[in-house]
């Protein structure tokens, strides 16, 4: 497949390695907002190659660092609402549990309720 083997596309292992680098090392040297931006970029890279599980991990981590960086809670909640169907359909059980925990946190912080289920 020519599209899958394109030199501009990252492999899933590269995406996961970069994700681990960002959440274990870069968090000490990069602001949470910059880190969230890097993780969102990884999310898009993972979606381009069809690695939904890796993309969801990146997305959950993105929200975490957006929250730590003081990002607008309403925007994080909107992003969450936009992605919940995809997560419930394709996400692993571990990711979905983390996703549900984030949803409860966001609902508590914003005072809004999300009809997820």
C-alpha atoms as a PDB file:
ATOM      1  CA  UNK A   1       0.000   0.000   0.000  1.00  0.00           C
ATOM      2  CA  UNK A   2       1.646   3.212  -1.200  1.00  0.00           C
ATOM      3  CA  UNK A   3      -0.166   5.495   1.240  1.00  0.00           C
ATOM      4  CA  UNK A   4       0.742   3.421   4.316  1.00  0.00           C
ATOM      5  CA  UNK A   5       4.431   3.270   3.364  1.00  0.00           C
ATOM      6  CA  UNK A   6       4.811   6.957   2.583  1.00  0.00           C
ATOM      7  CA  UNK A   7       7.962   8.437   4.198  1.00  0.00           C
ATOM      8  CA  UNK A   8       5.955  11.371   5.626  1.00  0.00           C
ATOM      9  CA  UNK A   9       3.738   9.120   7.741  1.00  0.00           C
ATOM     10  CA  UNK A  10       4.836   7.915  11.146  1.00  0.00           C
ATOM     11  CA  UNK A  11       4.483   4.291  12.191  1.00  0.00           C
ATOM     12  CA  UNK A  12       2.431   3.374  15.231  1.00  0.00           C
ATOM     13  CA  UNK A  13       5.578   2.411  17.147  1.00  0.00           C
ATOM     14  CA  UNK A  14       7.059   5.869  16.437  1.00  0.00           C
ATOM     15  CA  UNK A  15       3.885   7.555  17.633  1.00  0.00           C
ATOM     16  CA  UNK A  16       3.820   5.543  20.857  1.00  0.00           C
ATOM     17  CA  UNK A  17       7.536   6.160  21.468  1.00  0.00           C
ATOM     18  CA  UNK A  18       7.056   9.895  20.985  1.00  0.00           C
ATOM     19  CA  UNK A  19       3.985   9.834  23.245  1.00  0.00           C
ATOM     20  CA  UNK A  20       5.964   8.121  25.992  1.00  0.00           C
ATOM     21  CA  UNK A  21       8.799  10.620  25.593  1.00  0.00           C
ATOM     22  CA  UNK A  22       6.415  13.551  25.949  1.00  0.00           C
ATOM     23  CA  UNK A  23       4.526  12.268  29.006  1.00  0.00           C
ATOM     24  CA  UNK A  24       7.577  10.979  30.898  1.00  0.00           C
ATOM     25  CA  UNK A  25      10.443  13.339  30.042  1.00  0.00           C
ATOM     26  CA  UNK A  26       9.139  16.443  28.286  1.00  0.00           C
ATOM     27  CA  UNK A  27       6.644  17.178  31.040  1.00  0.00           C
ATOM     28  CA  UNK A  28       9.586  18.455  33.119  1.00  0.00           C
ATOM     29  CA  UNK A  29      10.883  20.778  30.401  1.00  0.00           C
ATOM     30  CA  UNK A  30       7.864  21.874  28.352  1.00  0.00           C
ATOM     31  CA  UNK A  31       4.810  23.847  29.428  1.00  0.00           C
ATOM     32  CA  UNK A  32       1.560  21.862  29.676  1.00  0.00           C
ATOM     33  CA  UNK A  33      -0.007  23.823  26.803  1.00  0.00           C
ATOM     34  CA  UNK A  34       2.955  23.128  24.479  1.00  0.00           C
ATOM     35  CA  UNK A  35       2.872  19.510  25.536  1.00  0.00           C
ATOM     36  CA  UNK A  36      -0.858  19.334  24.773  1.00  0.00           C
ATOM     37  CA  UNK A  37      -0.155  20.775  21.325  1.00  0.00           C
ATOM     38  CA  UNK A  38       2.500  18.130  20.637  1.00  0.00           C
ATOM     39  CA  UNK A  39       0.167  15.377  21.812  1.00  0.00           C
ATOM     40  CA  UNK A  40      -2.658  16.684  19.613  1.00  0.00           C
ATOM     41  CA  UNK A  41      -0.290  16.527  16.657  1.00  0.00           C
ATOM     42  CA  UNK A  42       0.451  12.890  17.527  1.00  0.00           C
ATOM     43  CA  UNK A  43      -3.303  12.253  17.724  1.00  0.00           C
ATOM     44  CA  UNK A  44      -3.705  13.505  14.156  1.00  0.00           C
ATOM     45  CA  UNK A  45      -0.723  11.433  12.974  1.00  0.00           C
ATOM     46  CA  UNK A  46      -2.213   8.290  14.543  1.00  0.00           C
ATOM     47  CA  UNK A  47      -5.621   8.927  12.980  1.00  0.00           C
ATOM     48  CA  UNK A  48      -4.012   9.393   9.544  1.00  0.00           C
ATOM     49  CA  UNK A  49      -2.608   5.865   9.679  1.00  0.00           C
ATOM     50  CA  UNK A  50      -5.734   4.349  11.214  1.00  0.00           C
ATOM     51  CA  UNK A  51      -4.333   3.649  14.689  1.00  0.00           C
ATOM     52  CA  UNK A  52      -7.423   4.637  16.651  1.00  0.00           C
ATOM     53  CA  UNK A  53      -6.206   3.146  19.943  1.00  0.00           C
ATOM     54  CA  UNK A  54      -2.980   5.161  19.863  1.00  0.00           C
ATOM     55  CA  UNK A  55      -4.932   8.234  18.806  1.00  0.00           C
ATOM     56  CA  UNK A  56      -7.283   7.902  21.773  1.00  0.00           C
ATOM     57  CA  UNK A  57      -4.360   7.577  24.192  1.00  0.00           C
ATOM     58  CA  UNK A  58      -2.897  10.770  22.732  1.00  0.00           C
ATOM     59  CA  UNK A  59      -6.242  12.532  22.950  1.00  0.00           C
ATOM     60  CA  UNK A  60      -6.819  11.640  26.608  1.00  0.00           C
ATOM     61  CA  UNK A  61      -3.292  12.812  27.440  1.00  0.00           C
ATOM     62  CA  UNK A  62      -3.911  16.011  25.442  1.00  0.00           C
ATOM     63  CA  UNK A  63      -6.949  16.815  27.572  1.00  0.00           C
ATOM     64  CA  UNK A  64      -4.971  16.108  30.725  1.00  0.00           C
ATOM     65  CA  UNK A  65      -2.266  18.615  29.810  1.00  0.00           C
ATOM     66  CA  UNK A  66      -4.786  21.154  28.530  1.00  0.00           C
ATOM     67  CA  UNK A  67      -6.446  20.935  31.936  1.00  0.00           C
ATOM     68  CA  UNK A  68      -3.102  21.363  33.712  1.00  0.00           C
ATOM     69  CA  UNK A  69      -2.242  24.291  31.448  1.00  0.00           C
ATOM     70  CA  UNK A  70      -5.413  26.180  32.289  1.00  0.00           C
ATOM     71  CA  UNK A  71      -7.075  25.665  28.919  1.00  0.00           C
ATOM     72  CA  UNK A  72     -10.730  26.712  28.700  1.00  0.00           C
ATOM     73  CA  UNK A  73     -12.755  23.921  30.315  1.00  0.00           C
ATOM     74  CA  UNK A  74     -15.679  24.427  27.955  1.00  0.00           C
ATOM     75  CA  UNK A  75     -13.428  23.765  24.955  1.00  0.00           C
ATOM     76  CA  UNK A  76     -12.037  20.600  26.527  1.00  0.00           C
ATOM     77  CA  UNK A  77     -15.572  19.442  27.294  1.00  0.00           C
ATOM     78  CA  UNK A  78     -16.637  20.155  23.693  1.00  0.00           C
ATOM     79  CA  UNK A  79     -13.698  18.122  22.381  1.00  0.00           C
ATOM     80  CA  UNK A  80     -14.669  15.327  24.741  1.00  0.00           C
ATOM     81  CA  UNK A  81     -18.278  15.364  23.527  1.00  0.00           C
ATOM     82  CA  UNK A  82     -17.108  15.240  19.919  1.00  0.00           C
ATOM     83  CA  UNK A  83     -14.948  12.157  20.523  1.00  0.00           C
ATOM     84  CA  UNK A  84     -16.972  10.022  22.938  1.00  0.00           C
ATOM     85  CA  UNK A  85     -18.732   7.999  20.249  1.00  0.00           C
ATOM     86  CA  UNK A  86     -15.430   7.132  18.574  1.00  0.00           C
ATOM     87  CA  UNK A  87     -13.912   6.194  21.923  1.00  0.00           C
ATOM     88  CA  UNK A  88     -16.790   3.944  22.921  1.00  0.00           C
ATOM     89  CA  UNK A  89     -16.718   2.230  19.539  1.00  0.00           C
ATOM     90  CA  UNK A  90     -12.972   1.736  19.084  1.00  0.00           C
ATOM     91  CA  UNK A  91     -11.251   2.371  22.399  1.00  0.00           C
ATOM     92  CA  UNK A  92      -9.832  -0.290  24.646  1.00  0.00           C
ATOM     93  CA  UNK A  93     -11.364  -0.912  28.074  1.00  0.00           C
ATOM     94  CA  UNK A  94      -8.462   0.833  29.802  1.00  0.00           C
ATOM     95  CA  UNK A  95      -8.758   3.915  27.598  1.00  0.00           C
ATOM     96  CA  UNK A  96     -12.506   4.004  28.042  1.00  0.00           C
ATOM     97  CA  UNK A  97     -12.168   3.889  31.844  1.00  0.00           C
ATOM     98  CA  UNK A  98      -9.727   6.797  31.722  1.00  0.00           C
ATOM     99  CA  UNK A  99     -12.055   8.550  29.289  1.00  0.00           C
ATOM    100  CA  UNK A 100     -15.003   8.093  31.670  1.00  0.00           C
ATOM    101  CA  UNK A 101     -12.937   9.393  34.583  1.00  0.00           C
ATOM    102  CA  UNK A 102     -12.002  12.477  32.565  1.00  0.00           C
ATOM    103  CA  UNK A 103     -15.648  13.002  31.699  1.00  0.00           C
ATOM    104  CA  UNK A 104     -16.648  12.927  35.372  1.00  0.00           C
ATOM    105  CA  UNK A 105     -13.877  15.385  36.198  1.00  0.00           C
ATOM    106  CA  UNK A 106     -14.870  17.728  33.387  1.00  0.00           C
ATOM    107  CA  UNK A 107     -18.534  17.599  34.341  1.00  0.00           C
ATOM    108  CA  UNK A 108     -17.659  18.366  37.951  1.00  0.00           C
ATOM    109  CA  UNK A 109     -15.352  21.257  37.035  1.00  0.00           C
ATOM    110  CA  UNK A 110     -17.677  22.856  34.498  1.00  0.00           C
ATOM    111  CA  UNK A 111     -20.925  22.161  36.337  1.00  0.00           C
ATOM    112  CA  UNK A 112     -22.361  20.777  33.099  1.00  0.00           C
ATOM    113  CA  UNK A 113     -23.679  17.331  32.402  1.00  0.00           C
ATOM    114  CA  UNK A 114     -22.846  15.309  29.323  1.00  0.00           C
ATOM    115  CA  UNK A 115     -25.314  12.723  28.090  1.00  0.00           C
ATOM    116  CA  UNK A 116     -22.700  10.166  27.047  1.00  0.00           C
ATOM    117  CA  UNK A 117     -24.611   6.959  27.454  1.00  0.00           C
END
